[in-house]
């Protein structure tokens, strides 16, 4: 099962990438992440760290950085300790103008141990269910705008 989302943010890629390049910032923009222990520096391919997400309950994952292309793409592989398999998360930045960036977010659960009968339900709820609060892309947008504001830049969305 693959879930795809996208958002256009009225910022250049740099302040958005700033929120992605450190594992510790995951807590700032992903509302489901309650704790993240990263390497304390910019991520690199092959890095491993831990992240705890609050879903129906708290779940801790060992996370591996698969792709790290500055200002373009980050691919993380989550190995949830409470489940078998893994989940891949891909975040891609695509400049659509000097002041706007399209952010694509893909969550690939194909290799997770989520039962096959549950996957269509998750897809249906993600696609047609009522949104309850901000998601990761909303959080990424808000954190990047706040970060750009701290640097003295003004952007609107």
Foldseek 3Di string as FASTA:
>chain_A
DKDKDKDKAQAQLVLLLVLVQWQQSLVQQAVQWPGWDFPPDGDDAQGWTKIWGADVHIWIWIKGWHDDDRSFKTKIWTQTPVWHFIKIWMWGWDDPDRRMIMIMIMIGCPGTRPDPVCVVVVVCCVVPNDDDDDGRVVSSNVSSQVVCVVVVDHTDD
